[in-house]
Amino acid sequence: MIKRFFVLSGLCMFLGLSAQKTHTVIKGDTPYNISKKYGISVDELFKLNPKVKEGKLAIGDVVNVKGGSNSTTKTPVTTTSAQTGKIILQPKQTIYGITKQYRISETDLRKLNPDLDSHTKIGDEITLPLESIKKYGGNQTVATTKPVETAPVETASASNTKTKIDSGNERSSASNSHSGQDEYATYTVESGDTVFSIVNKFGVSIDELIALNPDLAKGLKAGMVLKIRKLDAAYIKKNGDALSVVLMLPFGYNTGQTQYRAMATDFLTGAKLAIERNAAGGQKLDIKIVDSGNEDSFKSSLSQINPNNTDLIIGPFFKSNVIDLLDFTKTQKIPVVAPFANSPELYNYSNLIIVETNDQTYADKIAEEVKSVYSDQKIYILADSKKDNANYLKSSLEKNVKNAQVSIVSSASDIQLDQNMMTGQSAPVIAILASDNDTVGEAFSSKVIALSKEVQGVKAFSMYAVPSFEKKVDELSQASLVYLMDRKINTDGNFEKEILAAYKAKYCKVPGKYAVIGFDVVNDMLTRENKKGEIFKQINKVQTQLATKFEFVKSKSNGAYVNTGFRVIRLVP
């Protein structure tokens, strides 16, 4: 059975509206191009249609407009000359299954099919390399020699952006530029981007974006480099041509805490592979490994660091140690990367880069997903013993979903079908997993499968990926399970295959959890660096490494950079 996976990154929103002098929304419409068509401003459109700002615009919606010009503009279509063919999407065939069958990465599939998204349906045509179709397609081929057309970039602000498949081959999607003495974080526009998606991504207003980029008045085009915001004062590299990097790892724990020593050792194997890879590519590196010891001895380990001759510090692992290190380096503003610590107490440090995506980010995304399908069902949240995530999620749902009936339960057996008051028949519910415990996840999966066999329309969501989700794909797809995933390797990607092979050749084993994190963190930071040590100028790049997506945003105007990256998996019937 082909697995039903849709891997998406980032947040998707959809917009919707009402009537007067009206326009009916068609595919490709955005607030910007609608306002342009009728000769009104986006602000006027928002005033006429307040719900637009709430994030709901869908094909067929009726939008209030005024009179005006009827002109519309689209960026011309560009073509490539690669020979391609098409297949007809079959029942139970999914994007994930296509990438498996035709040996194509998800990123390359997206490039060939710019309109590909979670609404792909049976009978749709999917473009693929003709050679792959002939080799792997059996009788699905619909041959063609036409060049591939890439979709135009929308010329406006909107939130109905095409969702992008987040694969390991998506290494970088932003860059930086300099303008005289002024230095800005910048973003290179990709196919499918809109002004609205970009301002949401970087937390700036449309007015700020247009003020920095007057050419936006001519339309948004793929490849355009946009200024996003003025950068903080640059960190100046100190050590000549070589980048001086310190890794602080907790080797010095006593025998009763050997798990931290094992964790550090595993992390280091992945880090060393990343270091050797970048050095082989021509990067000059001066690497120093510092034993950060345990909680009591950490401060003494700081004596091994020369702040005046250090360009980047990766580690330590624990929050209290990170704070001590930041206080130690505060006058030099050395970039400090925290692989595991993520806490509001850390958000005030402007030179800190926090890798761990926090639970609140996951909960916010799940709340958004639930809101999009909610229709007066009971909502059950299966919690872990702490209940922190469940309480936060419950509060968010009660605040943002009208008449939400939310119950937190401690056992999957407490999730029960609702009863229709009029007919007495069983009614579907929404079930959410707010625990990353594998045993709890197994019980959740079994319960959701059982309920979905009793009645149609049961919907399942999870803040985390647990092993049972991959084991029970077909059954869980009947509940349209949506879950968030991070730290998972796409073993079909060329980059991933290369790194996994290199690790096995070096260490004669597959990388463990912390080896993967070690590679991802170190490789991500080193690939953001250049000869000038300008890591903060490259921090807006969205990069996916071996298993981790890195998408950093400022926690506050002069605060830490926090990773908000994750992937969304959708199982569909």
Protein backbone atom coordinates (compact mmCIF):
# COMPACT_ATOMS: atom_id res chain seq x y z
CA MET A 1 0.00 0.00 0.00
CA ILE A 2 1.40 3.41 -0.93
CA LYS A 3 1.85 5.60 2.13
CA ARG A 4 -0.27 8.71 2.17
CA PHE A 5 2.03 11.54 3.10
CA PHE A 6 1.77 15.22 2.34
CA VAL A 7 4.80 17.08 3.76
CA LEU A 8 4.33 20.78 3.98
CA SER A 9 6.26 23.55 5.57
CA GLY A 10 5.33 26.76 7.15
CA LEU A 11 1.82 28.08 7.83
CA CYS A 12 -1.04 28.09 5.28
CA MET A 13 -4.01 30.42 5.50
CA PHE A 14 -7.10 30.86 3.39
CA LEU A 15 -9.25 33.98 3.07
CA GLY A 16 -13.26 34.55 2.59
CA LEU A 17 -15.77 37.40 2.17
CA SER A 18 -19.36 38.92 1.49
CA ALA A 19 -21.43 41.20 -1.03
CA GLN A 20 -22.43 44.79 -2.49
CA LYS A 21 -20.75 45.87 -5.77
CA THR A 22 -19.05 42.51 -5.83
CA HIS A 23 -16.34 40.30 -7.27
CA THR A 24 -16.47 36.49 -7.15
CA VAL A 25 -13.11 35.01 -6.16
CA ILE A 26 -11.47 32.75 -8.74
CA LYS A 27 -8.30 30.65 -8.56
CA GLY A 28 -5.22 32.85 -8.17
CA ASP A 29 -7.07 35.85 -6.72
CA THR A 30 -5.40 37.76 -3.90
CA PRO A 31 -6.44 40.91 -2.01
CA TYR A 32 -3.79 42.81 -3.94
CA ASN A 33 -4.81 41.80 -7.47
CA ILE A 34 -8.53 42.18 -6.65
CA SER A 35 -7.95 45.72 -5.37
CA LYS A 36 -5.81 46.51 -8.42
CA LYS A 37 -8.47 45.19 -10.79
CA TYR A 38 -11.13 47.50 -9.35
CA GLY A 39 -8.89 50.53 -8.79
CA ILE A 40 -9.02 50.54 -4.99
CA SER A 41 -6.33 50.19 -2.35
CA VAL A 42 -5.81 47.04 -0.29
CA ASP A 43 -6.81 49.03 2.81
CA GLU A 44 -10.11 49.99 1.15
CA LEU A 45 -10.73 46.35 0.27
CA PHE A 46 -10.08 45.38 3.91
CA LYS A 47 -12.53 48.07 5.13
CA LEU A 48 -15.20 46.79 2.75
CA ASN A 49 -14.47 43.20 3.76
CA PRO A 50 -13.30 43.02 7.39
CA LYS A 51 -13.11 39.23 7.33
CA VAL A 52 -10.22 39.39 4.87
CA LYS A 53 -7.92 40.31 7.75
CA GLU A 54 -9.05 37.21 9.60
CA GLY A 55 -7.42 35.07 6.92
CA LYS A 56 -10.30 33.58 4.87
CA LEU A 57 -10.43 33.99 1.09
CA ALA A 58 -11.59 31.00 -0.96
CA ILE A 59 -12.60 30.33 -4.56
CA GLY A 60 -16.27 31.25 -5.01
CA ASP A 61 -16.37 33.80 -2.21
CA VAL A 62 -18.09 37.11 -3.01
CA VAL A 63 -16.05 40.21 -2.20
CA ASN A 64 -17.36 43.78 -1.85
CA VAL A 65 -15.57 46.20 -4.20
CA LYS A 66 -15.98 49.68 -5.67
CA GLY A 67 -15.83 50.58 -9.34
CA GLY A 68 -12.52 51.27 -11.02
CA SER A 69 -10.17 50.05 -13.68
CA ASN A 70 -10.44 46.45 -14.82
CA SER A 71 -6.81 45.79 -15.55
CA THR A 72 -4.85 42.95 -14.08
CA THR A 73 -1.21 42.00 -14.43
CA LYS A 74 0.63 38.73 -14.11
CA THR A 75 4.28 38.01 -14.35
CA PRO A 76 4.98 36.31 -17.72
CA VAL A 77 5.33 32.54 -17.74
CA THR A 78 8.86 31.23 -18.09
CA THR A 79 9.78 27.92 -19.61
CA THR A 80 12.47 25.33 -19.40
CA SER A 81 13.41 22.85 -22.09
CA ALA A 82 13.55 19.65 -20.05
CA GLN A 83 11.59 16.82 -21.68
CA THR A 84 8.73 15.80 -19.44
CA GLY A 85 5.65 13.66 -19.39
CA LYS A 86 2.50 13.42 -17.32
CA ILE A 87 0.77 10.78 -15.25
CA ILE A 88 -2.87 10.70 -14.19
CA LEU A 89 -3.25 10.63 -10.41
CA GLN A 90 -4.77 7.28 -9.39
CA PRO A 91 -6.86 6.36 -6.33
CA LYS A 92 -4.68 6.08 -3.19
CA GLN A 93 -1.72 7.62 -5.06
CA THR A 94 -0.13 10.48 -3.09
CA ILE A 95 2.64 13.02 -3.44
CA TYR A 96 4.80 10.98 -1.12
CA GLY A 97 4.05 7.81 -3.10
CA ILE A 98 4.92 9.52 -6.39
CA THR A 99 8.33 10.63 -5.08
CA LYS A 100 9.00 7.04 -3.99
CA GLN A 101 7.83 5.38 -7.21
CA TYR A 102 9.45 7.77 -9.68
CA ARG A 103 12.69 8.36 -7.71
CA ILE A 104 12.24 12.12 -7.63
CA SER A 105 12.80 14.48 -4.71
CA GLU A 106 9.83 16.42 -3.36
CA THR A 107 11.54 19.70 -4.22
CA ASP A 108 12.01 18.67 -7.89
CA LEU A 109 8.40 17.47 -8.02
CA ARG A 110 7.26 20.87 -6.74
CA LYS A 111 9.33 22.67 -9.39
CA LEU A 112 7.68 20.64 -12.13
CA ASN A 113 4.20 21.14 -10.61
CA PRO A 114 4.01 24.64 -9.08
CA ASP A 115 0.29 24.25 -8.31
CA LEU A 116 0.77 21.00 -6.43
CA ASP A 117 -0.81 21.19 -2.99
CA SER A 118 -2.82 19.27 -0.43
CA HIS A 119 -5.94 19.47 -2.61
CA THR A 120 -4.53 17.31 -5.41
CA LYS A 121 -7.29 14.90 -6.45
CA ILE A 122 -7.77 11.70 -8.42
CA GLY A 123 -7.64 12.37 -12.18
CA ASP A 124 -5.25 15.34 -11.95
CA GLU A 125 -2.25 15.37 -14.26
CA ILE A 126 1.18 15.33 -12.60
CA THR A 127 4.25 16.40 -14.59
CA LEU A 128 7.37 14.25 -14.21
CA PRO A 129 10.65 13.72 -16.09
CA LEU A 130 9.75 11.63 -19.15
CA GLU A 131 12.67 9.32 -18.49
CA SER A 132 11.34 8.53 -14.99
CA ILE A 133 7.85 7.81 -16.32
CA LYS A 134 9.19 5.42 -18.95
CA LYS A 135 11.40 3.67 -16.39
CA TYR A 136 9.06 3.47 -13.39
CA GLY A 137 5.56 4.40 -14.59
CA GLY A 138 4.14 1.20 -16.00
CA ASN A 139 0.94 2.09 -17.87
CA GLN A 140 0.44 5.52 -16.27
CA THR A 141 2.33 7.45 -18.97
CA VAL A 142 0.75 10.38 -20.81
CA ALA A 143 3.73 11.36 -22.95
CA THR A 144 4.48 14.93 -23.92
CA THR A 145 7.44 16.83 -25.29
CA LYS A 146 6.15 20.29 -24.38
CA PRO A 147 8.50 22.43 -22.28
CA VAL A 148 7.55 22.73 -18.62
CA GLU A 149 5.81 25.97 -17.68
CA THR A 150 6.47 27.44 -14.29
CA ALA A 151 3.62 29.26 -12.58
CA PRO A 152 3.70 33.07 -12.42
CA VAL A 153 4.43 34.72 -9.11
CA GLU A 154 1.35 36.52 -7.82
CA THR A 155 1.79 40.26 -7.94
CA ALA A 156 0.26 40.98 -4.60
CA SER A 157 -0.37 40.49 -0.94
CA ALA A 158 -2.34 37.37 -0.13
CA SER A 159 -2.45 34.49 2.25
CA ASN A 160 -3.56 31.76 -0.15
CA THR A 161 0.06 30.90 -0.93
CA LYS A 162 0.82 27.52 -2.40
CA THR A 163 2.11 25.25 0.32
CA LYS A 164 5.64 24.09 -0.32
CA ILE A 165 6.92 20.60 0.11
CA ASP A 166 9.67 20.72 2.70
CA SER A 167 12.34 18.28 1.63
CA GLY A 168 15.95 17.81 2.61
CA ASN A 169 16.99 19.31 -0.72
CA GLU A 170 15.55 22.71 0.22
CA ARG A 171 18.79 24.07 1.57
CA SER A 172 18.40 27.82 1.38
CA SER A 173 15.75 30.36 0.42
CA ALA A 174 17.05 33.73 1.57
CA SER A 175 20.14 35.89 1.36
CA ASN A 176 21.46 39.28 2.35
CA SER A 177 22.62 42.45 0.63
CA HIS A 178 24.45 45.62 1.51
CA SER A 179 23.55 49.16 0.50
CA GLY A 180 26.36 51.60 1.26
CA GLN A 181 26.60 51.92 5.02
CA ASP A 182 23.11 50.48 5.52
CA GLU A 183 22.89 46.70 5.92
CA TYR A 184 19.63 44.81 5.67
CA ALA A 185 18.38 41.29 6.09
CA THR A 186 16.97 40.32 2.70
CA TYR A 187 14.81 37.61 1.16
CA THR A 188 14.92 36.19 -2.37
CA VAL A 189 11.39 35.73 -3.72
CA GLU A 190 10.42 32.18 -4.74
CA SER A 191 7.68 30.94 -7.06
CA GLY A 192 4.44 30.89 -5.08
CA ASP A 193 5.41 33.72 -2.72
CA THR A 194 3.05 36.64 -2.18
CA VAL A 195 3.54 39.93 -0.37
CA PHE A 196 1.15 38.74 2.33
CA SER A 197 3.05 35.49 2.90
CA ILE A 198 6.35 37.37 3.09
CA VAL A 199 5.18 39.94 5.65
CA ASN A 200 3.71 37.14 7.76
CA LYS A 201 6.93 35.16 7.53
CA PHE A 202 9.13 38.01 8.75
CA GLY A 203 6.74 39.87 11.03
CA VAL A 204 6.86 43.20 9.20
CA SER A 205 4.00 45.35 7.91
CA ILE A 206 3.12 45.77 4.22
CA ASP A 207 3.91 49.47 4.54
CA GLU A 208 7.39 48.75 5.92
CA LEU A 209 8.08 46.24 3.14
CA ILE A 210 6.95 48.60 0.38
CA ALA A 211 8.91 51.50 1.88
CA LEU A 212 12.12 49.45 1.70
CA ASN A 213 11.23 48.00 -1.72
CA PRO A 214 9.56 50.61 -3.99
CA ASP A 215 9.81 48.23 -6.98
CA LEU A 216 7.03 46.15 -5.42
CA ALA A 217 4.64 48.60 -7.08
CA LYS A 218 5.58 46.90 -10.36
CA GLY A 219 4.67 43.46 -9.01
CA LEU A 220 6.35 40.61 -7.17
CA LYS A 221 8.63 38.41 -9.28
CA ALA A 222 10.53 35.22 -8.55
CA GLY A 223 14.22 35.99 -7.98
CA MET A 224 13.55 39.52 -6.71
CA VAL A 225 15.69 40.33 -3.65
CA LEU A 226 13.66 42.19 -1.03
CA LYS A 227 15.00 44.18 1.89
CA ILE A 228 13.24 43.01 5.04
CA ARG A 229 14.60 45.06 7.91
CA LYS A 230 17.67 46.92 9.08
CA LEU A 231 20.16 44.59 10.72
CA ASP A 232 21.55 44.93 14.20
CA ALA A 233 25.10 46.19 14.50
CA ALA A 234 27.24 43.61 12.73
CA TYR A 235 29.44 41.21 14.62
CA ILE A 236 33.01 41.58 13.37
CA LYS A 237 35.04 38.45 12.79
CA LYS A 238 38.25 38.39 14.79
CA ASN A 239 40.58 35.65 13.61
CA GLY A 240 41.96 36.50 10.18
CA ASP A 241 40.83 34.19 7.38
CA ALA A 242 39.89 31.24 9.58
CA LEU A 243 36.58 31.08 11.40
CA SER A 244 37.23 30.36 15.08
CA VAL A 245 34.51 28.02 16.42
CA VAL A 246 34.11 26.64 19.94
CA LEU A 247 31.99 23.55 20.65
CA MET A 248 30.94 23.31 24.31
CA LEU A 249 29.87 19.74 25.11
CA PRO A 250 29.09 18.14 28.51
CA PHE A 251 31.65 15.32 28.64
CA GLY A 252 32.51 15.91 32.30
CA TYR A 253 29.43 14.54 34.01
CA ASN A 254 30.05 11.98 36.75
CA THR A 255 29.27 8.29 36.42
CA GLY A 256 25.71 8.77 37.65
CA GLN A 257 24.94 11.03 34.69
CA THR A 258 26.49 9.09 31.84
CA GLN A 259 23.55 9.88 29.56
CA TYR A 260 24.91 13.40 29.08
CA ARG A 261 28.37 12.13 28.22
CA ALA A 262 26.86 9.72 25.66
CA MET A 263 24.71 12.54 24.29
CA ALA A 264 27.78 14.79 23.89
CA THR A 265 29.81 12.05 22.21
CA ASP A 266 27.03 11.30 19.72
CA PHE A 267 26.54 15.02 19.00
CA LEU A 268 30.28 15.37 18.33
CA THR A 269 30.34 12.61 15.69
CA GLY A 270 27.75 14.46 13.62
CA ALA A 271 29.43 17.82 14.25
CA LYS A 272 32.79 16.49 13.04
CA LEU A 273 31.24 15.27 9.80
CA ALA A 274 29.76 18.73 9.18
CA ILE A 275 33.09 20.40 9.98
CA GLU A 276 35.02 18.11 7.61
CA ARG A 277 32.43 18.64 4.89
CA ASN A 278 32.68 22.43 5.06
CA ALA A 279 36.47 22.37 5.33
CA ALA A 280 36.64 20.18 2.23
CA GLY A 281 34.54 22.81 0.47
CA GLY A 282 37.21 25.44 1.14
CA GLN A 283 36.02 26.98 4.40
CA LYS A 284 38.91 27.82 6.73
CA LEU A 285 38.05 26.66 10.23
CA ASP A 286 39.76 26.78 13.60
CA ILE A 287 37.76 24.39 15.83
CA LYS A 288 38.14 24.09 19.59
CA ILE A 289 36.21 21.54 21.68
CA VAL A 290 35.63 22.56 25.29
CA ASP A 291 34.41 20.17 27.96
CA SER A 292 31.59 22.15 29.59
CA GLY A 293 31.60 19.75 32.55
CA ASN A 294 28.51 19.60 34.76
CA GLU A 295 26.29 22.27 36.29
CA ASP A 296 28.71 22.91 39.16
CA SER A 297 31.93 22.98 37.16
CA PHE A 298 30.64 24.84 34.09
CA LYS A 299 31.92 28.31 35.02
CA SER A 300 35.48 27.04 35.29
CA SER A 301 35.24 25.77 31.70
CA LEU A 302 34.74 29.34 30.51
CA SER A 303 38.41 30.01 31.21
CA GLN A 304 39.21 27.90 28.15
CA ILE A 305 37.48 30.42 25.86
CA ASN A 306 39.17 33.59 24.62
CA PRO A 307 36.25 35.92 23.74
CA ASN A 308 38.60 38.20 21.82
CA ASN A 309 39.55 35.43 19.43
CA THR A 310 36.27 33.50 19.01
CA ASP A 311 33.77 33.91 16.17
CA LEU A 312 31.07 31.36 16.99
CA ILE A 313 30.14 29.22 20.01
CA ILE A 314 27.90 26.16 19.63
CA GLY A 315 26.63 24.96 23.01
CA PRO A 316 26.37 24.52 25.90
CA PHE A 317 23.35 22.23 26.16
CA PHE A 318 21.63 23.45 29.35
CA LYS A 319 19.77 26.71 30.04
CA SER A 320 21.69 27.81 33.15
CA ASN A 321 24.99 27.22 31.34
CA VAL A 322 23.79 29.18 28.31
CA ILE A 323 22.98 32.18 30.53
CA ASP A 324 26.41 32.01 32.18
CA LEU A 325 28.07 31.92 28.75
CA LEU A 326 26.01 34.83 27.42
CA ASP A 327 26.96 36.93 30.43
CA PHE A 328 30.60 35.98 29.86
CA THR A 329 30.53 37.06 26.20
CA LYS A 330 28.06 39.96 26.37
CA THR A 331 30.55 42.70 25.49
CA GLN A 332 31.82 40.86 22.40
CA LYS A 333 28.37 39.90 21.01
CA ILE A 334 29.74 36.56 19.81
CA PRO A 335 27.01 34.44 18.18
CA VAL A 336 26.02 31.71 20.64
CA VAL A 337 24.00 28.73 19.40
CA ALA A 338 21.87 26.84 21.96
CA PRO A 339 21.07 23.38 20.49
CA PHE A 340 18.53 22.34 23.16
CA ALA A 341 17.70 25.20 25.55
CA ASN A 342 14.56 27.19 24.74
CA SER A 343 13.07 29.35 27.49
CA PRO A 344 11.60 32.88 27.72
CA GLU A 345 14.46 33.81 30.07
CA LEU A 346 16.81 33.47 27.10
CA TYR A 347 14.87 35.72 24.73
CA ASN A 348 16.52 38.96 25.90
CA TYR A 349 19.96 38.09 24.50
CA SER A 350 20.36 39.50 20.99
CA ASN A 351 23.42 37.37 20.15
CA LEU A 352 21.69 34.07 21.00
CA ILE A 353 20.44 31.62 18.34
CA ILE A 354 17.96 29.07 19.75
CA VAL A 355 17.66 25.88 17.71
CA GLU A 356 14.93 23.99 19.59
CA THR A 357 11.44 24.83 18.31
CA ASN A 358 9.24 25.26 21.39
CA ASP A 359 6.02 23.45 22.19
CA GLN A 360 3.98 26.64 22.00
CA THR A 361 4.83 26.97 18.30
CA TYR A 362 3.58 23.43 17.73
CA ALA A 363 0.41 24.05 19.76
CA ASP A 364 -0.36 27.26 17.85
CA LYS A 365 -0.13 25.40 14.55
CA ILE A 366 -2.40 22.57 15.74
CA ALA A 367 -4.95 25.10 17.04
CA GLU A 368 -4.95 26.73 13.61
CA GLU A 369 -5.43 23.36 11.91
CA VAL A 370 -8.32 22.41 14.21
CA LYS A 371 -10.01 25.77 13.68
CA SER A 372 -9.99 25.20 9.91
CA VAL A 373 -12.10 22.00 10.17
CA TYR A 374 -14.14 22.63 13.33
CA SER A 375 -17.91 22.29 13.04
CA ASP A 376 -19.41 21.99 16.52
CA GLN A 377 -17.67 18.69 17.33
CA LYS A 378 -16.45 17.84 20.79
CA ILE A 379 -12.68 18.24 21.08
CA TYR A 380 -10.59 15.87 23.20
CA ILE A 381 -6.94 16.60 24.06
CA LEU A 382 -4.93 13.61 25.24
CA ALA A 383 -2.34 15.00 27.67
CA ASP A 384 0.86 13.81 29.26
CA SER A 385 1.39 13.92 33.03
CA LYS A 386 2.42 17.61 33.01
CA LYS A 387 -0.60 18.80 31.00
CA ASP A 388 1.23 22.07 30.14
CA ASN A 389 0.83 21.64 26.38
CA ALA A 390 -2.77 20.47 26.74
CA ASN A 391 -3.73 23.45 28.92
CA TYR A 392 -2.12 25.91 26.51
CA LEU A 393 -3.85 24.26 23.54
CA LYS A 394 -7.22 24.21 25.30
CA SER A 395 -6.94 27.91 26.14
CA SER A 396 -6.00 28.73 22.55
CA LEU A 397 -8.90 26.76 21.10
CA GLU A 398 -11.44 28.27 23.50
CA LYS A 399 -10.19 31.73 22.60
CA ASN A 400 -10.11 31.29 18.81
CA VAL A 401 -12.79 28.70 18.00
CA LYS A 402 -16.39 29.77 18.56
CA ASN A 403 -18.31 27.58 21.02
CA ALA A 404 -15.42 25.14 21.31
CA GLN A 405 -16.18 22.23 23.66
CA VAL A 406 -12.73 21.11 24.81
CA SER A 407 -11.92 18.34 27.28
CA ILE A 408 -8.45 17.33 28.48
CA VAL A 409 -8.15 13.60 29.15
CA SER A 410 -5.36 11.47 30.61
CA SER A 411 -6.22 8.23 28.81
CA ALA A 412 -7.08 7.47 25.20
CA SER A 413 -10.00 5.38 26.44
CA ASP A 414 -11.66 8.62 27.63
CA ILE A 415 -12.03 9.83 24.03
CA GLN A 416 -15.63 8.94 23.13
CA LEU A 417 -17.94 9.60 20.20
CA ASP A 418 -20.54 12.29 20.76
CA GLN A 419 -24.30 11.59 20.62
CA ASN A 420 -26.64 13.56 18.36
CA MET A 421 -29.34 14.94 20.67
CA MET A 422 -32.03 14.77 17.96
CA THR A 423 -31.36 11.34 16.43
CA GLY A 424 -29.47 9.56 19.19
CA GLN A 425 -26.86 8.51 16.64
CA SER A 426 -23.11 8.65 17.25
CA ALA A 427 -21.40 11.82 16.04
CA PRO A 428 -17.72 12.32 15.16
CA VAL A 429 -15.25 14.12 17.43
CA ILE A 430 -11.87 15.80 17.10
CA ALA A 431 -9.00 14.08 18.93
CA ILE A 432 -5.65 15.80 19.62
CA LEU A 433 -2.47 14.22 20.94
CA ALA A 434 -0.47 16.66 23.11
CA SER A 435 2.18 14.17 24.27
CA ASP A 436 5.36 12.88 22.63
CA ASN A 437 5.33 9.67 24.67
CA ASP A 438 5.42 6.68 22.30
CA THR A 439 3.15 4.52 24.48
CA VAL A 440 0.55 7.28 24.78
CA GLY A 441 0.84 7.80 21.03
CA GLU A 442 0.22 4.09 20.38
CA ALA A 443 -2.94 4.18 22.53
CA PHE A 444 -4.08 7.37 20.78
CA SER A 445 -3.62 5.78 17.34
CA SER A 446 -5.59 2.66 18.31
CA LYS A 447 -8.45 4.71 19.76
CA VAL A 448 -8.71 7.03 16.78
CA ILE A 449 -8.71 4.07 14.38
CA ALA A 450 -11.46 2.36 16.39
CA LEU A 451 -13.62 5.52 16.45
CA SER A 452 -13.18 6.17 12.72
CA LYS A 453 -14.48 2.66 12.02
CA GLU A 454 -17.64 3.41 14.01
CA VAL A 455 -18.50 6.72 12.39
CA GLN A 456 -17.21 8.82 9.52
CA GLY A 457 -15.81 12.31 10.10
CA VAL A 458 -13.52 11.69 13.07
CA LYS A 459 -10.55 14.10 12.81
CA ALA A 460 -7.18 13.49 14.48
CA PHE A 461 -4.29 15.87 15.15
CA SER A 462 -0.98 15.60 16.97
CA MET A 463 1.64 18.08 18.10
CA TYR A 464 4.30 15.39 17.65
CA ALA A 465 5.24 12.44 15.48
CA VAL A 466 5.18 9.05 17.23
CA PRO A 467 6.24 5.68 15.74
CA SER A 468 2.70 4.31 15.50
CA PHE A 469 1.79 6.98 12.92
CA GLU A 470 4.10 5.46 10.33
CA LYS A 471 3.07 1.91 11.21
CA LYS A 472 -0.66 2.63 10.82
CA VAL A 473 -0.75 5.08 7.92
CA ASP A 474 -3.69 3.53 6.08
CA GLU A 475 -5.92 3.25 9.14
CA LEU A 476 -5.07 6.71 10.48
CA SER A 477 -5.70 8.27 7.08
CA GLN A 478 -9.39 7.48 7.61
CA ALA A 479 -9.28 10.05 10.42
CA SER A 480 -7.34 12.50 8.20
CA LEU A 481 -4.56 12.63 10.78
CA VAL A 482 -2.49 15.83 10.72
CA TYR A 483 0.70 15.86 12.75
CA LEU A 484 3.84 17.95 13.11
CA MET A 485 7.25 16.50 12.47
CA ASP A 486 10.81 17.60 13.03
CA ARG A 487 14.12 15.77 13.21
CA LYS A 488 13.14 13.10 10.64
CA ILE A 489 15.39 12.20 7.72
CA ASN A 490 14.01 12.04 4.18
CA THR A 491 16.04 8.99 3.16
CA ASP A 492 15.11 9.45 -0.52
CA GLY A 493 16.81 12.86 -0.83
CA ASN A 494 20.18 13.02 -2.60
CA PHE A 495 21.71 15.25 0.08
CA GLU A 496 20.49 12.94 2.82
CA LYS A 497 21.79 9.83 1.06
CA GLU A 498 25.19 11.47 0.68
CA ILE A 499 25.45 12.43 4.36
CA LEU A 500 24.18 9.09 5.64
CA ALA A 501 26.68 7.24 3.44
CA ALA A 502 29.52 9.49 4.61
CA TYR A 503 28.59 8.95 8.26
CA LYS A 504 28.41 5.18 7.83
CA ALA A 505 31.76 5.12 6.02
CA LYS A 506 33.33 7.17 8.83
CA TYR A 507 31.76 5.49 11.87
CA CYS A 508 30.48 2.12 10.52
CA LYS A 509 26.95 2.76 11.80
CA VAL A 510 23.89 4.87 11.14
CA PRO A 511 23.78 8.20 13.02
CA GLY A 512 21.94 8.29 16.33
CA LYS A 513 19.51 11.02 17.35
CA TYR A 514 22.14 13.38 18.74
CA ALA A 515 24.57 12.72 15.89
CA VAL A 516 21.86 13.93 13.49
CA ILE A 517 21.30 17.03 15.61
CA GLY A 518 25.06 17.63 15.84
CA PHE A 519 25.42 17.49 12.07
CA ASP A 520 22.37 19.64 11.41
CA VAL A 521 23.23 22.39 13.89
CA VAL A 522 26.90 22.67 12.94
CA ASN A 523 26.33 22.36 9.19
CA ASP A 524 23.54 24.93 9.30
CA MET A 525 25.64 27.47 11.17
CA LEU A 526 28.76 26.95 9.06
CA THR A 527 26.80 27.30 5.81
CA ARG A 528 25.43 30.63 7.05
CA GLU A 529 28.93 31.87 7.72
CA ASN A 530 31.32 33.48 5.26
CA LYS A 531 34.83 34.90 5.37
CA LYS A 532 33.63 37.91 7.35
CA GLY A 533 31.89 35.97 10.10
CA GLU A 534 28.53 37.52 9.20
CA ILE A 535 26.26 34.83 10.59
CA PHE A 536 23.62 37.33 11.73
CA LYS A 537 23.38 38.70 8.19
CA GLN A 538 22.52 35.22 6.93
CA ILE A 539 20.12 34.27 9.72
CA ASN A 540 16.95 34.86 7.64
CA LYS A 541 17.79 31.96 5.35
CA VAL A 542 15.32 29.09 5.66
CA GLN A 543 17.39 25.91 5.47
CA THR A 544 16.65 22.22 5.85
CA GLN A 545 19.60 20.05 6.78
CA LEU A 546 19.68 16.30 7.30
CA ALA A 547 16.52 16.17 9.41
CA THR A 548 15.90 19.61 10.88
CA LYS A 549 14.24 22.65 9.38
CA PHE A 550 15.78 25.96 10.46
CA GLU A 551 13.57 29.05 10.20
CA PHE A 552 14.71 31.71 12.65
CA VAL A 553 12.67 34.70 13.76
CA LYS A 554 13.40 37.40 16.30
CA SER A 555 11.74 36.76 19.66
CA LYS A 556 11.52 40.55 20.10
CA SER A 557 12.98 43.61 18.43
CA ASN A 558 16.35 43.28 20.16
CA GLY A 559 16.07 39.71 21.35
CA ALA A 560 17.24 36.21 20.52
CA TYR A 561 16.69 34.40 17.23
CA VAL A 562 14.35 31.42 17.77
CA ASN A 563 13.84 28.52 15.37
CA THR A 564 10.18 28.19 14.37
CA GLY A 565 10.76 25.50 11.74
CA PHE A 566 8.70 22.31 11.53
CA ARG A 567 6.98 20.17 8.92
CA VAL A 568 3.32 19.27 8.66
CA ILE A 569 2.26 15.75 7.66
CA ARG A 570 -1.24 15.10 6.36
CA LEU A 571 -2.63 11.60 5.95
CA VAL A 572 -5.51 11.52 3.51
CA PRO A 573 -8.02 8.75 2.71
